[in-house]
C-alpha atoms as a PDB file:
ATOM      1  CA  UNK A   1       0.000   0.000   0.000  1.00  0.00           C
ATOM      2  CA  UNK A   2       2.662   2.324   0.893  1.00  0.00           C
ATOM      3  CA  UNK A   3       4.304   1.735  -2.363  1.00  0.00           C
ATOM      4  CA  UNK A   4       1.249   2.861  -4.404  1.00  0.00           C
ATOM      5  CA  UNK A   5       0.846   6.242  -2.602  1.00  0.00           C
ATOM      6  CA  UNK A   6       4.404   7.192  -3.029  1.00  0.00           C
ATOM      7  CA  UNK A   7       5.174   9.472  -5.983  1.00  0.00           C
ATOM      8  CA  UNK A   8       7.488   8.140  -8.535  1.00  0.00           C
ATOM      9  CA  UNK A   9      10.833   9.624  -8.529  1.00  0.00           C
ATOM     10  CA  UNK A  10      11.471  11.948 -11.573  1.00  0.00           C
ATOM     11  CA  UNK A  11      14.775  11.667 -12.985  1.00  0.00           C
ATOM     12  CA  UNK A  12      16.341  15.094 -13.326  1.00  0.00           C
ATOM     13  CA  UNK A  13      18.227  15.522 -16.510  1.00  0.00           C
ATOM     14  CA  UNK A  14      21.150  17.809 -16.376  1.00  0.00           C
ATOM     15  CA  UNK A  15      20.629  21.135 -18.359  1.00  0.00           C
ATOM     16  CA  UNK A  16      23.401  22.291 -20.592  1.00  0.00           C
ATOM     17  CA  UNK A  17      24.197  25.956 -19.819  1.00  0.00           C
ATOM     18  CA  UNK A  18      25.724  26.617 -23.246  1.00  0.00           C
ATOM     19  CA  UNK A  19      22.526  25.576 -24.994  1.00  0.00           C
ATOM     20  CA  UNK A  20      20.477  27.899 -22.793  1.00  0.00           C
ATOM     21  CA  UNK A  21      22.699  30.813 -23.544  1.00  0.00           C
ATOM     22  CA  UNK A  22      22.390  30.169 -27.274  1.00  0.00           C
ATOM     23  CA  UNK A  23      18.563  30.131 -27.058  1.00  0.00           C
ATOM     24  CA  UNK A  24      18.515  33.441 -25.186  1.00  0.00           C
ATOM     25  CA  UNK A  25      20.857  34.977 -27.755  1.00  0.00           C
ATOM     26  CA  UNK A  26      18.600  33.787 -30.599  1.00  0.00           C
ATOM     27  CA  UNK A  27      15.520  35.371 -28.989  1.00  0.00           C
ATOM     28  CA  UNK A  28      17.357  38.676 -28.523  1.00  0.00           C
ATOM     29  CA  UNK A  29      18.489  38.587 -32.139  1.00  0.00           C
ATOM     30  CA  UNK A  30      14.937  37.884 -33.362  1.00  0.00           C
ATOM     31  CA  UNK A  31      13.559  40.807 -31.323  1.00  0.00           C
ATOM     32  CA  UNK A  32      16.250  43.176 -32.664  1.00  0.00           C
ATOM     33  CA  UNK A  33      15.538  42.058 -36.223  1.00  0.00           C
ATOM     34  CA  UNK A  34      11.818  42.661 -35.709  1.00  0.00           C
ATOM     35  CA  UNK A  35      12.515  46.152 -34.350  1.00  0.00           C
ATOM     36  CA  UNK A  36      14.753  46.992 -37.344  1.00  0.00           C
ATOM     37  CA  UNK A  37      12.213  45.690 -39.847  1.00  0.00           C
ATOM     38  CA  UNK A  38       9.372  47.783 -38.386  1.00  0.00           C
ATOM     39  CA  UNK A  39      10.893  51.248 -39.267  1.00  0.00           C
ATOM     40  CA  UNK A  40      11.786  50.026 -42.754  1.00  0.00           C
ATOM     41  CA  UNK A  41       8.165  48.989 -43.363  1.00  0.00           C
ATOM     42  CA  UNK A  42       6.977  52.371 -42.079  1.00  0.00           C
ATOM     43  CA  UNK A  43       9.399  54.105 -44.412  1.00  0.00           C
ATOM     44  CA  UNK A  44       8.259  51.971 -47.314  1.00  0.00           C
ATOM     45  CA  UNK A  45       4.597  52.704 -46.553  1.00  0.00           C
ATOM     46  CA  UNK A  46       5.204  56.509 -46.332  1.00  0.00           C
ATOM     47  CA  UNK A  47       6.051  57.006 -50.020  1.00  0.00           C
ATOM     48  CA  UNK A  48       2.921  55.146 -50.981  1.00  0.00           C
ATOM     49  CA  UNK A  49       0.828  57.593 -48.938  1.00  0.00           C
ATOM     50  CA  UNK A  50       2.685  60.601 -50.462  1.00  0.00           C
ATOM     51  CA  UNK A  51       2.067  59.216 -53.971  1.00  0.00           C
ATOM     52  CA  UNK A  52      -1.658  58.951 -53.195  1.00  0.00           C
ATOM     53  CA  UNK A  53      -1.725  62.566 -51.935  1.00  0.00           C
ATOM     54  CA  UNK A  54       0.120  63.800 -55.059  1.00  0.00           C
ATOM     55  CA  UNK A  55      -2.326  61.943 -57.324  1.00  0.00           C
ATOM     56  CA  UNK A  56      -5.258  63.522 -55.502  1.00  0.00           C
ATOM     57  CA  UNK A  57      -3.686  66.959 -55.939  1.00  0.00           C
ATOM     58  CA  UNK A  58      -3.147  66.376 -59.669  1.00  0.00           C
ATOM     59  CA  UNK A  59      -6.735  65.192 -60.125  1.00  0.00           C
ATOM     60  CA  UNK A  60      -8.154  68.235 -58.283  1.00  0.00           C
ATOM     61  CA  UNK A  61      -9.019  71.195 -60.641  1.00  0.00           C
ATOM     62  CA  UNK A  62      -6.428  73.947 -60.550  1.00  0.00           C
ATOM     63  CA  UNK A  63      -7.969  77.393 -60.007  1.00  0.00           C
ATOM     64  CA  UNK A  64      -6.360  80.006 -62.266  1.00  0.00           C
ATOM     65  CA  UNK A  65      -5.492  83.173 -60.427  1.00  0.00           C
ATOM     66  CA  UNK A  66      -6.554  86.450 -61.958  1.00  0.00           C
ATOM     67  CA  UNK A  67      -3.745  88.321 -63.782  1.00  0.00           C
ATOM     68  CA  UNK A  68      -4.274  91.366 -61.588  1.00  0.00           C
ATOM     69  CA  UNK A  69      -3.861  89.278 -58.453  1.00  0.00           C
ATOM     70  CA  UNK A  70      -0.741  87.638 -59.908  1.00  0.00           C
ATOM     71  CA  UNK A  71       0.682  91.041 -60.823  1.00  0.00           C
ATOM     72  CA  UNK A  72      -0.050  92.346 -57.343  1.00  0.00           C
ATOM     73  CA  UNK A  73       1.628  89.333 -55.804  1.00  0.00           C
ATOM     74  CA  UNK A  74       4.630  89.563 -58.146  1.00  0.00           C
ATOM     75  CA  UNK A  75       5.099  93.336 -57.857  1.00  0.00           C
ATOM     76  CA  UNK A  76       7.414  94.304 -55.049  1.00  0.00           C
ATOM     77  CA  UNK A  77       5.887  96.387 -52.344  1.00  0.00           C
ATOM     78  CA  UNK A  78       7.320  99.913 -52.519  1.00  0.00           C
ATOM     79  CA  UNK A  79       7.081 102.564 -49.935  1.00  0.00           C
ATOM     80  CA  UNK A  80       4.332 105.011 -50.905  1.00  0.00           C
ATOM     81  CA  UNK A  81       5.573 108.583 -50.741  1.00  0.00           C
ATOM     82  CA  UNK A  82       3.245 111.228 -49.470  1.00  0.00           C
ATOM     83  CA  UNK A  83       1.999 113.470 -52.342  1.00  0.00           C
ATOM     84  CA  UNK A  84       3.160 117.071 -52.289  1.00  0.00           C
ATOM     85  CA  UNK A  85       0.473 119.668 -51.731  1.00  0.00           C
ATOM     86  CA  UNK A  86      -0.697 121.123 -55.037  1.00  0.00           C
ATOM     87  CA  UNK A  87      -0.688 124.899 -55.201  1.00  0.00           C
ATOM     88  CA  UNK A  88      -3.893 126.315 -56.543  1.00  0.00           C
ATOM     89  CA  UNK A  89      -3.368 128.675 -59.469  1.00  0.00           C
ATOM     90  CA  UNK A  90      -5.394 131.814 -59.645  1.00  0.00           C
ATOM     91  CA  UNK A  91      -7.682 131.805 -62.637  1.00  0.00           C
ATOM     92  CA  UNK A  92      -7.280 134.841 -64.828  1.00  0.00           C
ATOM     93  CA  UNK A  93     -10.337 136.319 -66.496  1.00  0.00           C
ATOM     94  CA  UNK A  94     -10.525 135.633 -70.246  1.00  0.00           C
ATOM     95  CA  UNK A  95      -9.032 138.328 -72.421  1.00  0.00           C
ATOM     96  CA  UNK A  96     -11.456 140.162 -74.639  1.00  0.00           C
ATOM     97  CA  UNK A  97     -11.075 143.027 -77.070  1.00  0.00           C
ATOM     98  CA  UNK A  98     -14.375 144.519 -76.088  1.00  0.00           C
ATOM     99  CA  UNK A  99     -14.365 147.721 -74.101  1.00  0.00           C
ATOM    100  CA  UNK A 100     -16.260 147.458 -70.902  1.00  0.00           C
ATOM    101  CA  UNK A 101     -19.214 149.771 -70.811  1.00  0.00           C
ATOM    102  CA  UNK A 102     -19.421 152.103 -67.855  1.00  0.00           C
ATOM    103  CA  UNK A 103     -22.785 152.507 -66.276  1.00  0.00           C
ATOM    104  CA  UNK A 104     -24.182 155.945 -67.018  1.00  0.00           C
ATOM    105  CA  UNK A 105     -27.065 157.889 -65.636  1.00  0.00           C
ATOM    106  CA  UNK A 106     -30.096 159.052 -67.598  1.00  0.00           C
ATOM    107  CA  UNK A 107     -28.713 162.610 -67.790  1.00  0.00           C
ATOM    108  CA  UNK A 108     -25.389 161.432 -69.221  1.00  0.00           C
ATOM    109  CA  UNK A 109     -27.171 159.304 -71.800  1.00  0.00           C
ATOM    110  CA  UNK A 110     -29.307 162.271 -72.874  1.00  0.00           C
ATOM    111  CA  UNK A 111     -26.162 164.403 -73.261  1.00  0.00           C
ATOM    112  CA  UNK A 112     -24.549 161.711 -75.404  1.00  0.00           C
ATOM    113  CA  UNK A 113     -27.643 161.578 -77.620  1.00  0.00           C
ATOM    114  CA  UNK A 114     -27.483 165.333 -78.136  1.00  0.00           C
ATOM    115  CA  UNK A 115     -23.816 165.168 -79.099  1.00  0.00           C
ATOM    116  CA  UNK A 116     -24.425 162.331 -81.551  1.00  0.00           C
ATOM    117  CA  UNK A 117     -27.328 164.243 -83.132  1.00  0.00           C
ATOM    118  CA  UNK A 118     -25.148 167.351 -83.519  1.00  0.00           C
ATOM    119  CA  UNK A 119     -22.414 165.244 -85.105  1.00  0.00           C
ATOM    120  CA  UNK A 120     -24.885 163.815 -87.610  1.00  0.00           C
ATOM    121  CA  UNK A 121     -26.046 167.320 -88.535  1.00  0.00           C
ATOM    122  CA  UNK A 122     -22.466 168.466 -89.011  1.00  0.00           C
ATOM    123  CA  UNK A 123     -21.804 165.537 -91.323  1.00  0.00           C
ATOM    124  CA  UNK A 124     -24.876 166.468 -93.346  1.00  0.00           C
ATOM    125  CA  UNK A 125     -23.881 170.159 -93.422  1.00  0.00           C
ATOM    126  CA  UNK A 126     -26.886 171.320 -91.440  1.00  0.00           C
ATOM    127  CA  UNK A 127     -26.904 173.996 -88.771  1.00  0.00           C
ATOM    128  CA  UNK A 128     -26.518 172.812 -85.189  1.00  0.00           C
ATOM    129  CA  UNK A 129     -28.380 175.708 -83.597  1.00  0.00           C
ATOM    130  CA  UNK A 130     -25.386 177.863 -82.705  1.00  0.00           C
ATOM    131  CA  UNK A 131     -23.464 175.100 -80.903  1.00  0.00           C
ATOM    132  CA  UNK A 132     -20.987 174.612 -83.703  1.00  0.00           C
ATOM    133  CA  UNK A 133     -20.188 176.854 -86.695  1.00  0.00           C
ATOM    134  CA  UNK A 134     -18.586 175.154 -89.666  1.00  0.00           C
ATOM    135  CA  UNK A 135     -15.726 177.232 -91.067  1.00  0.00           C
ATOM    136  CA  UNK A 136     -14.473 176.746 -94.621  1.00  0.00           C
ATOM    137  CA  UNK A 137     -11.156 174.940 -94.941  1.00  0.00           C
ATOM    138  CA  UNK A 138      -8.232 177.196 -95.764  1.00  0.00           C
ATOM    139  CA  UNK A 139      -6.101 176.418 -98.772  1.00  0.00           C
ATOM    140  CA  UNK A 140      -2.788 174.996 -97.691  1.00  0.00           C
ATOM    141  CA  UNK A 141       0.247 176.883 -98.848  1.00  0.00           C
ATOM    142  CA  UNK A 142       2.182 175.044-101.506  1.00  0.00           C
ATOM    143  CA  UNK A 143       5.717 174.162-100.526  1.00  0.00           C
ATOM    144  CA  UNK A 144       8.755 175.139-102.478  1.00  0.00           C
ATOM    145  CA  UNK A 145       9.349 172.805-105.394  1.00  0.00           C
ATOM    146  CA  UNK A 146      12.803 171.669-106.428  1.00  0.00           C
ATOM    147  CA  UNK A 147      14.362 173.135-109.533  1.00  0.00           C
ATOM    148  CA  UNK A 148      17.164 171.838-111.730  1.00  0.00           C
ATOM    149  CA  UNK A 149      19.155 173.304-114.639  1.00  0.00           C
ATOM    150  CA  UNK A 150      20.562 171.108-117.318  1.00  0.00           C
ATOM    151  CA  UNK A 151      21.247 170.481-120.990  1.00  0.00           C
ATOM    152  CA  UNK A 152      18.756 168.834-123.345  1.00  0.00           C
ATOM    153  CA  UNK A 153      20.188 165.583-124.714  1.00  0.00           C
ATOM    154  CA  UNK A 154      17.115 164.291-126.594  1.00  0.00           C
ATOM    155  CA  UNK A 155      13.757 165.619-127.859  1.00  0.00           C
ATOM    156  CA  UNK A 156      12.561 162.601-129.837  1.00  0.00           C
ATOM    157  CA  UNK A 157       9.591 161.942-127.575  1.00  0.00           C
ATOM    158  CA  UNK A 158       6.272 163.661-128.079  1.00  0.00           C
ATOM    159  CA  UNK A 159       6.112 166.537-125.571  1.00  0.00           C
ATOM    160  CA  UNK A 160       9.012 165.000-123.703  1.00  0.00           C
ATOM    161  CA  UNK A 161      12.656 166.015-123.421  1.00  0.00           C
ATOM    162  CA  UNK A 162      15.609 164.359-121.761  1.00  0.00           C
ATOM    163  CA  UNK A 163      17.744 166.664-119.622  1.00  0.00           C
ATOM    164  CA  UNK A 164      21.241 165.910-118.271  1.00  0.00           C
ATOM    165  CA  UNK A 165      21.917 167.622-114.967  1.00  0.00           C
ATOM    166  CA  UNK A 166      25.535 167.907-113.791  1.00  0.00           C
ATOM    167  CA  UNK A 167      26.184 167.955-110.060  1.00  0.00           C
ATOM    168  CA  UNK A 168      29.451 169.206-108.545  1.00  0.00           C
ATOM    169  CA  UNK A 169      30.153 167.841-105.112  1.00  0.00           C
ATOM    170  CA  UNK A 170      33.256 167.618-102.914  1.00  0.00           C
ATOM    171  CA  UNK A 171      34.445 164.207-101.788  1.00  0.00           C
ATOM    172  CA  UNK A 172      33.641 163.752 -98.093  1.00  0.00           C
ATOM    173  CA  UNK A 173      37.159 162.549 -97.227  1.00  0.00           C
ATOM    174  CA  UNK A 174      39.567 163.826 -99.868  1.00  0.00           C
ATOM    175  CA  UNK A 175      37.666 167.084-100.541  1.00  0.00           C
ATOM    176  CA  UNK A 176      38.158 166.740-104.279  1.00  0.00           C
ATOM    177  CA  UNK A 177      35.437 168.285-106.455  1.00  0.00           C
ATOM    178  CA  UNK A 178      33.692 165.485-108.339  1.00  0.00           C
ATOM    179  CA  UNK A 179      31.295 165.903-111.238  1.00  0.00           C
ATOM    180  CA  UNK A 180      28.319 163.604-111.405  1.00  0.00           C
ATOM    181  CA  UNK A 181      25.404 163.666-113.778  1.00  0.00           C
ATOM    182  CA  UNK A 182      21.835 162.413-113.697  1.00  0.00           C
ATOM    183  CA  UNK A 183      19.143 162.182-116.369  1.00  0.00           C
ATOM    184  CA  UNK A 184      15.631 163.598-116.000  1.00  0.00           C
ATOM    185  CA  UNK A 185      12.547 163.327-118.213  1.00  0.00           C
ATOM    186  CA  UNK A 186      10.635 166.621-118.396  1.00  0.00           C
ATOM    187  CA  UNK A 187       7.337 167.573-120.004  1.00  0.00           C
ATOM    188  CA  UNK A 188       7.555 170.084-122.897  1.00  0.00           C
ATOM    189  CA  UNK A 189       4.033 171.045-123.873  1.00  0.00           C
ATOM    190  CA  UNK A 190       4.953 173.046-127.037  1.00  0.00           C
ATOM    191  CA  UNK A 191       8.016 171.029-128.122  1.00  0.00           C
ATOM    192  CA  UNK A 192      10.147 174.204-128.089  1.00  0.00           C
ATOM    193  CA  UNK A 193      13.371 172.803-126.625  1.00  0.00           C
ATOM    194  CA  UNK A 194      16.068 171.427-128.927  1.00  0.00           C
ATOM    195  CA  UNK A 195      19.176 169.330-128.350  1.00  0.00           C
ATOM    196  CA  UNK A 196      21.944 171.343-126.662  1.00  0.00           C
ATOM    197  CA  UNK A 197      19.661 173.969-125.094  1.00  0.00           C
ATOM    198  CA  UNK A 198      20.156 174.861-121.468  1.00  0.00           C
ATOM    199  CA  UNK A 199      16.775 174.659-119.744  1.00  0.00           C
ATOM    200  CA  UNK A 200      15.294 175.003-116.278  1.00  0.00           C
ATOM    201  CA  UNK A 201      12.879 172.330-115.073  1.00  0.00           C
ATOM    202  CA  UNK A 202      10.742 172.144-111.929  1.00  0.00           C
ATOM    203  CA  UNK A 203       9.361 169.216-109.994  1.00  0.00           C
ATOM    204  CA  UNK A 204       5.685 168.354-110.566  1.00  0.00           C
ATOM    205  CA  UNK A 205       3.152 165.589-110.082  1.00  0.00           C
ATOM    206  CA  UNK A 206       3.700 162.272-111.904  1.00  0.00           C
ATOM    207  CA  UNK A 207       2.781 162.810-115.542  1.00  0.00           C
ATOM    208  CA  UNK A 208       3.790 159.382-116.836  1.00  0.00           C
ATOM    209  CA  UNK A 209       5.817 156.387-115.795  1.00  0.00           C
ATOM    210  CA  UNK A 210       9.111 158.347-115.891  1.00  0.00           C
ATOM    211  CA  UNK A 211       8.116 162.055-116.090  1.00  0.00           C
ATOM    212  CA  UNK A 212       8.216 163.907-112.768  1.00  0.00           C
ATOM    213  CA  UNK A 213       9.523 167.262-114.096  1.00  0.00           C
ATOM    214  CA  UNK A 214       8.144 170.085-116.260  1.00  0.00           C
ATOM    215  CA  UNK A 215       9.910 172.597-118.512  1.00  0.00           C
ATOM    216  CA  UNK A 216       9.776 176.170-117.170  1.00  0.00           C
ATOM    217  CA  UNK A 217      11.998 178.151-119.529  1.00  0.00           C
ATOM    218  CA  UNK A 218      14.849 177.892-121.978  1.00  0.00           C
ATOM    219  CA  UNK A 219      17.847 179.641-120.351  1.00  0.00           C
ATOM    220  CA  UNK A 220      20.247 179.470-123.305  1.00  0.00           C
ATOM    221  CA  UNK A 221      19.714 178.334-126.893  1.00  0.00           C
ATOM    222  CA  UNK A 222      22.292 176.059-128.438  1.00  0.00           C
ATOM    223  CA  UNK A 223      24.556 177.690-131.068  1.00  0.00           C
END
């Protein structure tokens, strides 16, 4: 009976310490390899997510910015200077050639009407009632006309003679007496002058294109 209740003796097998150490080292190596593989998988998964985000961005419609907004964004921001105060110019009144009328009273206007009426009467030659007496114009005295003496060189024209007038004049610097001559066309109404006669002519009104002189007398007859 006593033999049945007794537990059988278990034979204890000796454990090799070197084998145990190897098993522990293998477990540590497996854990380290698992830890190293986990970050690599995370890194490999990250690009896949980025690719998906980029594809979504490409598929989304791109909103075009307005050119004004782009220009505003591109333009550099400059400091805005304060504007200078603008001086106001005085406006000048427009220039006119009209004479400004001065305001007159009724009496002044009546006096002006009287003067204008008197002026109209004077223009018409009528009497102005003693206010103004028209006097006849006096004949102006005729001025002294120039005279020349010369020699007749031609009488071929009808009622026209050609007279050569000699002029003696001293030189302004050397004081030498110089003789100069000029030709005049004179009017001879009776054709009395002949070539070589010494005649006296006087200035007159224009009688033709070249005649401005008139024969007065024959001073000396040619021999």
